[in-house]
């Protein structure tokens, strides 16, 4: 899972997308983003916003706060990388 873009579903319903640099007892996230539903001309779409934008460095995500994880869809991974990653 290291270096892959992962989607996390949190117990509060929030979804986070991030590269996971280390996965042991917790997940260490690099440049995590929250998914934000937004209205578009085509209907409803998903946007990305920085998660904890005022934190410095990597963010630790604790296992009890997570309900599910999955690899990001290729389109979402590409958009994440364009906005927050290597481009």
C-alpha atoms as a PDB file:
ATOM      1  CA  UNK A   1       0.000   0.000   0.000  1.00  0.00           C
ATOM      2  CA  UNK A   2       2.992   2.319   0.387  1.00  0.00           C
ATOM      3  CA  UNK A   3       2.969   5.161  -2.133  1.00  0.00           C
ATOM      4  CA  UNK A   4      -0.440   4.185  -3.536  1.00  0.00           C
ATOM      5  CA  UNK A   5      -3.333   6.619  -3.611  1.00  0.00           C
ATOM      6  CA  UNK A   6      -5.939   5.289  -1.180  1.00  0.00           C
ATOM      7  CA  UNK A   7      -9.496   6.396  -0.391  1.00  0.00           C
ATOM      8  CA  UNK A   8     -10.461   6.265   3.292  1.00  0.00           C
ATOM      9  CA  UNK A   9     -14.061   6.265   4.530  1.00  0.00           C
ATOM     10  CA  UNK A  10     -14.131   7.654   8.056  1.00  0.00           C
ATOM     11  CA  UNK A  11     -16.592   6.751  10.823  1.00  0.00           C
ATOM     12  CA  UNK A  12     -18.080  10.269  10.575  1.00  0.00           C
ATOM     13  CA  UNK A  13     -18.876   9.730   6.855  1.00  0.00           C
ATOM     14  CA  UNK A  14     -16.046  11.891   5.542  1.00  0.00           C
ATOM     15  CA  UNK A  15     -13.909  10.567   2.684  1.00  0.00           C
ATOM     16  CA  UNK A  16     -10.192  11.276   2.463  1.00  0.00           C
ATOM     17  CA  UNK A  17      -7.892  10.525  -0.466  1.00  0.00           C
ATOM     18  CA  UNK A  18      -4.142  10.410   0.039  1.00  0.00           C
ATOM     19  CA  UNK A  19      -0.856   8.742  -0.703  1.00  0.00           C
ATOM     20  CA  UNK A  20      -0.077   6.378   2.129  1.00  0.00           C
ATOM     21  CA  UNK A  21       3.644   6.460   2.821  1.00  0.00           C
ATOM     22  CA  UNK A  22       3.663   4.022   5.731  1.00  0.00           C
ATOM     23  CA  UNK A  23       1.046   1.565   6.929  1.00  0.00           C
ATOM     24  CA  UNK A  24       1.681  -0.084  10.272  1.00  0.00           C
ATOM     25  CA  UNK A  25      -0.669   0.294  13.226  1.00  0.00           C
ATOM     26  CA  UNK A  26      -1.714   3.656  11.744  1.00  0.00           C
ATOM     27  CA  UNK A  27      -1.721   5.219   8.289  1.00  0.00           C
ATOM     28  CA  UNK A  28       0.747   8.025   7.590  1.00  0.00           C
ATOM     29  CA  UNK A  29      -0.770  10.313   4.951  1.00  0.00           C
ATOM     30  CA  UNK A  30       1.115  12.578   2.546  1.00  0.00           C
ATOM     31  CA  UNK A  31      -0.889  15.585   1.275  1.00  0.00           C
ATOM     32  CA  UNK A  32      -4.340  14.220   2.149  1.00  0.00           C
ATOM     33  CA  UNK A  33      -7.453  15.729   0.582  1.00  0.00           C
ATOM     34  CA  UNK A  34     -11.137  15.651   1.479  1.00  0.00           C
ATOM     35  CA  UNK A  35     -13.676  14.839  -1.201  1.00  0.00           C
ATOM     36  CA  UNK A  36     -16.290  17.569  -1.543  1.00  0.00           C
ATOM     37  CA  UNK A  37     -19.576  17.146  -3.407  1.00  0.00           C
ATOM     38  CA  UNK A  38     -20.322  20.111  -5.671  1.00  0.00           C
ATOM     39  CA  UNK A  39     -23.018  21.030  -8.141  1.00  0.00           C
ATOM     40  CA  UNK A  40     -21.893  21.345 -11.767  1.00  0.00           C
ATOM     41  CA  UNK A  41     -23.640  22.001 -15.079  1.00  0.00           C
ATOM     42  CA  UNK A  42     -23.601  18.234 -15.661  1.00  0.00           C
ATOM     43  CA  UNK A  43     -25.156  17.474 -12.243  1.00  0.00           C
ATOM     44  CA  UNK A  44     -23.252  16.612  -9.082  1.00  0.00           C
ATOM     45  CA  UNK A  45     -19.481  16.206  -9.148  1.00  0.00           C
ATOM     46  CA  UNK A  46     -16.656  15.615  -6.720  1.00  0.00           C
ATOM     47  CA  UNK A  47     -13.962  18.149  -5.904  1.00  0.00           C
ATOM     48  CA  UNK A  48     -10.898  17.857  -3.706  1.00  0.00           C
ATOM     49  CA  UNK A  49      -9.890  20.201  -0.889  1.00  0.00           C
ATOM     50  CA  UNK A  50      -6.837  20.007   1.373  1.00  0.00           C
ATOM     51  CA  UNK A  51      -7.477  17.979   4.543  1.00  0.00           C
ATOM     52  CA  UNK A  52      -6.184  19.776   7.664  1.00  0.00           C
ATOM     53  CA  UNK A  53      -4.619  22.579   5.576  1.00  0.00           C
ATOM     54  CA  UNK A  54      -3.010  24.248   8.603  1.00  0.00           C
ATOM     55  CA  UNK A  55      -1.106  21.143   9.713  1.00  0.00           C
ATOM     56  CA  UNK A  56       2.565  20.818   8.797  1.00  0.00           C
ATOM     57  CA  UNK A  57       4.111  17.577   7.617  1.00  0.00           C
ATOM     58  CA  UNK A  58       2.478  14.194   7.293  1.00  0.00           C
ATOM     59  CA  UNK A  59      -0.772  13.363   9.096  1.00  0.00           C
ATOM     60  CA  UNK A  60      -1.359  10.214  11.154  1.00  0.00           C
ATOM     61  CA  UNK A  61      -4.717   8.531  10.630  1.00  0.00           C
ATOM     62  CA  UNK A  62      -5.666   6.147  13.444  1.00  0.00           C
ATOM     63  CA  UNK A  63      -7.294   2.813  12.565  1.00  0.00           C
ATOM     64  CA  UNK A  64     -10.332   3.136  14.897  1.00  0.00           C
ATOM     65  CA  UNK A  65     -11.477   6.216  12.918  1.00  0.00           C
ATOM     66  CA  UNK A  66     -11.641   4.307   9.605  1.00  0.00           C
ATOM     67  CA  UNK A  67     -14.562   2.191   8.385  1.00  0.00           C
ATOM     68  CA  UNK A  68     -13.196   1.241   4.929  1.00  0.00           C
ATOM     69  CA  UNK A  69     -10.273   1.700   2.540  1.00  0.00           C
ATOM     70  CA  UNK A  70      -9.908   1.161  -1.206  1.00  0.00           C
ATOM     71  CA  UNK A  71      -7.545   1.945  -4.036  1.00  0.00           C
ATOM     72  CA  UNK A  72      -8.546   5.179  -5.754  1.00  0.00           C
ATOM     73  CA  UNK A  73     -10.298   5.037  -9.121  1.00  0.00           C
ATOM     74  CA  UNK A  74      -7.767   5.926 -11.867  1.00  0.00           C
ATOM     75  CA  UNK A  75      -9.573   9.187 -12.754  1.00  0.00           C
ATOM     76  CA  UNK A  76      -9.635  10.285  -9.110  1.00  0.00           C
ATOM     77  CA  UNK A  77      -5.997   9.251  -8.651  1.00  0.00           C
ATOM     78  CA  UNK A  78      -4.992  11.305 -11.688  1.00  0.00           C
ATOM     79  CA  UNK A  79      -6.919  14.339 -10.397  1.00  0.00           C
ATOM     80  CA  UNK A  80      -5.390  13.935  -6.919  1.00  0.00           C
ATOM     81  CA  UNK A  81      -1.892  13.737  -8.417  1.00  0.00           C
ATOM     82  CA  UNK A  82      -2.578  16.772 -10.593  1.00  0.00           C
ATOM     83  CA  UNK A  83      -3.662  18.870  -7.598  1.00  0.00           C
ATOM     84  CA  UNK A  84      -1.585  17.516  -4.705  1.00  0.00           C
ATOM     85  CA  UNK A  85       1.040  15.166  -6.077  1.00  0.00           C
ATOM     86  CA  UNK A  86       3.619  14.978  -8.772  1.00  0.00           C
ATOM     87  CA  UNK A  87       1.295  16.352 -11.474  1.00  0.00           C
END
